[in-house]
Amino acid sequence: MSAEENKATIRRWVEEAWNTGNFASADGMYGKNYIFHDPDRPLHGPEGISQFVTMFRAGFPDLHLTIEDMIAEGDKVAWRFTARGTHKGELMGIPPTGKQVTVTAMVCSRFAGGKWEEDWSNFDALGMLQQFGVIPGMG
């Protein structure tokens, strides 16, 4: 796939899965050996990333991701997004706070053989927890 096709795949996944909860395209987009490198725990395969998105959508039923930037070169795409939603469901053991949250993240995605194979992500989890009010803000 070309760099532009890889970027289009990311845009489609964000719109379908993250923004609407439709995971039907996951098996066609993700390689069976896909891995999401997460400091807490890695996620594997289309089912792993679908469960991850489902967890966040349960915590934020009105979740919406906006892709702010995308840069592609070769088999990799670097992208930055803003996520917004209202904390109406339990997330990571934290009961709903009803607070609106805005969080940013950056991802580097790798594609091979027409499939999404790997992600490395930096997500502002601390900022999210501060917005929930479960961790005090800095200053």
Protein backbone atom coordinates (compact mmCIF):
# COMPACT_ATOMS: atom_id res chain seq x y z
CA MET A 1 0.00 0.00 0.00
CA SER A 2 1.12 3.54 -0.62
CA ALA A 3 1.66 6.08 2.14
CA GLU A 4 -1.61 7.78 1.14
CA GLU A 5 -3.49 4.46 1.34
CA ASN A 6 -2.03 3.85 4.81
CA LYS A 7 -3.21 7.29 5.93
CA ALA A 8 -6.68 6.57 4.50
CA THR A 9 -6.79 3.30 6.46
CA ILE A 10 -6.10 5.16 9.71
CA ARG A 11 -8.73 7.79 8.94
CA ARG A 12 -11.28 5.05 8.20
CA TRP A 13 -10.50 3.16 11.45
CA VAL A 14 -10.75 6.33 13.53
CA GLU A 15 -14.10 7.20 12.00
CA GLU A 16 -15.59 3.71 12.04
CA ALA A 17 -14.24 2.19 15.26
CA TRP A 18 -13.27 5.04 17.58
CA ASN A 19 -16.00 7.48 16.61
CA THR A 20 -18.94 5.12 15.98
CA GLY A 21 -18.03 1.77 17.57
CA ASN A 22 -18.17 -0.21 14.31
CA PHE A 23 -15.43 -2.87 14.35
CA ALA A 24 -16.50 -4.76 11.22
CA SER A 25 -13.45 -3.61 9.26
CA ALA A 26 -10.88 -4.66 11.90
CA ASP A 27 -10.10 -8.09 10.47
CA GLY A 28 -9.56 -6.63 7.01
CA MET A 29 -7.32 -3.79 8.20
CA TYR A 30 -5.17 -5.43 10.87
CA GLY A 31 -2.69 -8.24 10.42
CA LYS A 32 -3.22 -11.34 12.56
CA ASN A 33 0.12 -10.62 14.26
CA TYR A 34 -0.67 -6.95 14.90
CA ILE A 35 0.82 -5.57 18.13
CA PHE A 36 0.03 -2.36 19.99
CA HIS A 37 3.04 -1.46 22.13
CA ASP A 38 1.59 -0.19 25.40
CA PRO A 39 3.73 0.44 28.49
CA ASP A 40 1.11 -1.27 30.67
CA ARG A 41 0.37 -4.27 28.45
CA PRO A 42 0.78 -5.00 24.76
CA LEU A 43 -2.33 -5.72 22.69
CA HIS A 44 -2.38 -8.39 20.00
CA GLY A 45 -4.37 -8.88 16.81
CA PRO A 46 -7.56 -7.24 15.57
CA GLU A 47 -9.40 -8.50 18.66
CA GLY A 48 -6.92 -6.83 21.03
CA ILE A 49 -7.25 -3.39 19.46
CA SER A 50 -11.05 -3.79 19.20
CA GLN A 51 -11.25 -4.60 22.94
CA PHE A 52 -9.08 -1.55 23.71
CA VAL A 53 -11.36 0.77 21.72
CA THR A 54 -14.43 -0.85 23.30
CA MET A 55 -13.05 -0.13 26.79
CA PHE A 56 -12.66 3.58 26.01
CA ARG A 57 -16.02 3.81 24.26
CA ALA A 58 -17.67 2.25 27.36
CA GLY A 59 -16.07 4.94 29.52
CA PHE A 60 -16.85 7.70 27.03
CA PRO A 61 -20.03 6.83 25.07
CA ASP A 62 -19.79 10.15 23.18
CA LEU A 63 -16.08 9.68 22.41
CA HIS A 64 -14.83 11.50 19.32
CA LEU A 65 -11.28 11.49 17.95
CA THR A 66 -10.06 14.24 15.65
CA ILE A 67 -6.90 13.62 13.68
CA GLU A 68 -4.84 16.78 13.89
CA ASP A 69 -1.76 15.79 11.85
CA MET A 70 -0.56 12.86 9.73
CA ILE A 71 2.87 12.36 8.21
CA ALA A 72 3.67 9.27 6.17
CA GLU A 73 6.94 7.91 4.89
CA GLY A 74 7.53 4.43 3.56
CA ASP A 75 5.61 1.89 5.63
CA LYS A 76 5.03 4.20 8.62
CA VAL A 77 2.49 6.89 9.47
CA ALA A 78 2.93 9.29 12.40
CA TRP A 79 -0.32 10.83 13.53
CA ARG A 80 -1.49 13.10 16.31
CA PHE A 81 -5.05 13.24 17.56
CA THR A 82 -7.31 14.87 20.12
CA ALA A 83 -9.92 12.76 21.91
CA ARG A 84 -12.97 14.34 23.52
CA GLY A 85 -15.74 12.75 25.52
CA THR A 86 -17.81 12.72 28.67
CA HIS A 87 -16.81 10.21 31.35
CA LYS A 88 -20.18 8.44 31.72
CA GLY A 89 -19.01 4.85 32.24
CA GLU A 90 -16.40 3.04 34.31
CA LEU A 91 -12.90 3.27 32.86
CA MET A 92 -9.86 1.48 34.27
CA GLY A 93 -11.70 0.92 37.56
CA ILE A 94 -12.66 4.60 37.87
CA PRO A 95 -16.40 5.17 38.31
CA PRO A 96 -18.05 7.74 36.02
CA THR A 97 -17.36 11.35 36.97
CA GLY A 98 -19.60 13.01 34.38
CA LYS A 99 -16.70 15.28 33.44
CA GLN A 100 -15.91 16.27 29.89
CA VAL A 101 -12.34 15.35 29.02
CA THR A 102 -9.96 16.39 26.25
CA VAL A 103 -6.84 14.26 25.79
CA THR A 104 -4.09 14.24 23.17
CA ALA A 105 -1.99 11.39 21.83
CA MET A 106 0.57 10.59 19.17
CA VAL A 107 0.88 7.27 17.35
CA CYS A 108 3.42 5.79 14.97
CA SER A 109 1.80 3.05 12.87
CA ARG A 110 3.57 0.50 10.66
CA PHE A 111 2.00 -1.28 7.69
CA ALA A 112 3.19 -4.35 5.77
CA GLY A 113 1.61 -6.43 3.03
CA GLY A 114 -1.47 -4.23 2.93
CA LYS A 115 -2.18 -4.68 6.66
CA TRP A 116 -1.78 -2.57 9.78
CA GLU A 117 0.90 -4.45 11.73
CA GLU A 118 2.16 -2.33 14.62
CA ASP A 119 1.52 0.78 16.72
CA TRP A 120 3.56 2.74 19.24
CA SER A 121 1.53 5.30 21.17
CA ASN A 122 2.05 8.13 23.65
CA PHE A 123 -1.22 9.01 25.37
CA ASP A 124 -1.73 11.70 28.00
CA ALA A 125 -3.18 9.36 30.65
CA LEU A 126 -2.01 11.68 33.47
CA GLY A 127 -3.90 14.60 31.94
CA MET A 128 -7.02 12.44 31.63
CA LEU A 129 -6.81 11.37 35.29
CA GLN A 130 -6.30 15.00 36.36
CA GLN A 131 -9.39 16.00 34.39
CA PHE A 132 -11.36 13.22 36.14
CA GLY A 133 -10.24 14.78 39.43
CA VAL A 134 -8.67 11.56 40.76
CA ILE A 135 -5.14 13.01 40.64
CA PRO A 136 -4.42 16.64 41.57
CA GLY A 137 -3.27 18.98 38.84
CA MET A 138 0.23 20.38 38.77
CA GLY A 139 0.18 23.79 40.45
